[in-house]
Protein backbone atom coordinates (compact mmCIF):
# COMPACT_ATOMS: atom_id res chain seq x y z
CA MET A 1 99.68 -152.10 -7.65
CA ASN A 2 98.42 -148.59 -8.23
CA LEU A 3 101.43 -146.83 -9.73
CA GLY A 4 99.37 -143.93 -11.10
CA LEU A 5 98.09 -142.98 -7.67
CA ASP A 6 101.43 -143.62 -5.97
CA SER A 7 103.28 -141.34 -8.40
CA LEU A 8 100.82 -138.56 -7.59
CA ALA A 9 101.34 -138.98 -3.83
CA PRO A 10 104.03 -136.30 -3.39
CA LYS A 11 102.05 -133.76 -5.40
CA VAL A 12 98.83 -134.54 -3.57
CA GLY A 13 100.72 -134.48 -0.28
CA ALA A 14 102.12 -131.02 -1.03
CA VAL A 15 98.66 -129.64 -1.84
CA VAL A 16 97.09 -131.28 1.22
CA CYS A 17 99.82 -129.93 3.50
CA LEU A 18 99.48 -126.43 2.07
CA LEU A 19 95.72 -126.55 2.65
CA LEU A 20 96.26 -127.98 6.14
CA ALA A 21 98.59 -125.13 7.07
CA GLY A 22 95.99 -122.66 5.84
CA VAL A 23 93.28 -124.36 7.89
CA VAL A 24 95.46 -124.45 11.01
CA PHE A 25 96.29 -120.75 10.83
CA ALA A 26 92.86 -119.55 9.63
CA PRO A 27 91.45 -118.73 13.10
CA ALA A 28 94.46 -116.54 13.88
CA LEU A 29 93.87 -114.62 10.67
CA VAL A 30 90.07 -114.51 10.68
CA VAL A 31 88.87 -114.25 14.28
CA SER A 32 89.11 -110.59 15.15
CA ALA A 33 86.89 -110.26 18.22
CA PRO A 34 88.91 -108.67 21.05
CA GLY A 35 89.49 -111.04 23.96
CA SER A 36 88.01 -113.92 21.98
CA GLY A 37 90.35 -116.59 23.32
CA VAL A 38 92.16 -117.42 20.10
CA ALA A 39 95.49 -117.70 21.93
CA GLU A 40 94.00 -120.16 24.42
CA TYR A 41 92.42 -122.07 21.54
CA TYR A 42 95.81 -122.49 19.85
CA ALA A 43 97.57 -123.35 23.12
CA ALA A 44 95.17 -126.13 24.19
CA GLY A 45 96.74 -129.46 24.96
CA PRO A 46 100.32 -130.29 25.79
CA ILE A 47 101.89 -128.39 22.88
CA GLY A 48 99.06 -126.64 21.04
CA VAL A 49 98.23 -126.81 17.36
CA SER A 50 100.73 -124.39 15.82
CA ILE A 51 103.24 -127.23 15.52
CA VAL A 52 100.85 -128.98 13.12
CA GLY A 53 100.84 -125.92 10.87
CA VAL A 54 104.62 -125.67 10.97
CA LEU A 55 105.06 -129.37 10.18
CA ALA A 56 102.55 -129.03 7.34
CA LEU A 57 104.60 -126.19 5.83
CA LEU A 58 107.76 -128.28 6.22
CA ASP A 59 106.05 -131.18 4.48
CA VAL A 60 105.09 -128.96 1.54
CA VAL A 61 108.80 -128.53 0.87
CA VAL A 62 109.52 -132.22 1.50
CA PHE A 63 106.75 -133.40 -0.84
CA LEU A 64 107.72 -130.94 -3.58
CA ALA A 65 111.36 -132.01 -3.34
CA GLY A 66 110.14 -135.59 -3.69
CA ALA A 67 107.93 -134.78 -6.66
CA GLN A 68 110.83 -133.08 -8.41
CA GLU A 69 113.31 -135.79 -7.32
CA ARG A 70 115.75 -133.24 -5.92
CA SER A 71 116.91 -135.32 -2.95
CA ASP A 72 117.11 -138.92 -1.84
CA PRO A 73 113.55 -140.27 -2.18
CA ALA A 74 113.90 -142.71 0.72
CA THR A 75 114.94 -139.91 3.07
CA LEU A 76 112.19 -137.59 1.88
CA SER A 77 109.50 -140.24 2.16
CA GLY A 78 110.71 -141.11 5.66
CA VAL A 79 110.61 -137.48 6.77
CA ALA A 80 107.14 -137.06 5.26
CA LEU A 81 105.85 -140.21 6.93
CA VAL A 82 107.22 -139.42 10.37
CA SER A 83 106.06 -135.81 10.30
CA GLY A 84 102.67 -136.89 8.92
CA LEU A 85 102.16 -139.30 11.79
CA ALA A 86 103.35 -136.64 14.24
CA MET A 87 100.79 -134.19 12.81
CA VAL A 88 98.02 -136.73 13.38
CA LEU A 89 99.14 -137.34 16.96
CA PHE A 90 99.61 -133.65 17.80
CA SER A 91 96.30 -132.63 16.22
CA LEU A 92 94.43 -135.35 18.09
CA LEU A 93 96.02 -134.36 21.40
CA TRP A 94 95.07 -130.75 20.74
CA ALA A 95 91.52 -131.48 19.52
CA LEU A 96 90.71 -133.62 22.54
CA ALA A 97 92.21 -131.12 25.00
CA ILE A 98 90.20 -128.06 23.94
CA ASP A 99 87.95 -126.95 26.78
CA PRO A 100 84.32 -126.98 25.53
CA THR A 101 83.67 -123.77 27.47
CA LEU A 102 86.37 -122.03 25.42
CA LEU A 103 85.19 -123.62 22.20
CA PHE A 104 81.63 -122.37 22.60
CA SER A 105 82.62 -118.95 23.93
CA PHE A 106 83.40 -117.50 20.51
CA PRO A 107 80.86 -115.11 18.95
CA ALA A 108 78.17 -116.72 16.77
CA GLU A 109 79.87 -115.59 13.55
CA TYR A 110 82.75 -117.91 14.41
CA ALA A 111 80.59 -120.99 15.04
CA TRP A 112 82.69 -122.82 12.41
CA LEU A 113 85.38 -123.14 15.08
CA GLU A 114 83.28 -125.90 16.66
CA THR A 115 84.22 -128.19 13.77
CA HIS A 116 87.59 -126.62 12.93
CA ARG A 117 89.51 -129.01 15.18
CA TRP A 118 88.14 -132.07 13.38
CA VAL A 119 88.96 -130.56 9.99
CA VAL A 120 92.56 -130.16 11.22
CA VAL A 121 92.68 -133.78 12.41
CA THR A 122 91.22 -135.00 9.10
CA GLY A 123 93.70 -132.92 7.10
CA ALA A 124 96.59 -134.31 9.13
CA ALA A 125 95.32 -137.84 8.51
CA VAL A 126 95.09 -137.23 4.76
CA ALA A 127 98.63 -135.83 4.77
CA ALA A 128 99.84 -138.94 6.63
CA ILE A 129 98.08 -141.18 4.09
CA ALA A 130 99.75 -139.31 1.23
CA ALA A 131 103.10 -139.71 2.99
CA ALA A 132 102.51 -143.44 3.46
CA SER A 133 101.60 -143.79 -0.20
CA TYR A 134 104.74 -141.92 -1.20
CA ALA A 135 106.89 -144.10 1.08
CA ARG A 136 105.29 -147.25 -0.32
CA ARG A 137 106.10 -146.13 -3.86
CA VAL A 138 109.70 -145.29 -2.99
CA LEU A 139 110.40 -148.41 -0.96
CA ASN A 140 108.86 -150.89 -3.41
């Protein structure tokens, strides 16, 4: 059993979720070309990607409450796990639904958007892994 890593899970999860929220909302803050299609980029898929950023911000609070033992750990770990898995699902649905024409229509200075979607999916997966580690620690 890896108690050292498991006890760090809520702190790592909070940091990962904070970074994930920043990554999700970065295009909205950085891409400034008029008519660039940022709104369409965010709205791709059945529900878009903004929900991933919102869930990540929620999980920051959940993980920090868990790290500070301010609420029932079983409840917090369950919320973190469910929302972590939801972030993975929502980010995958969004990433696979982005129209390649839209993706490659951004100006050359925003070429990083071509890989942005996979960074979001990876961040959501890392957050879900941190949540699973936290739940394992709490439930064992």
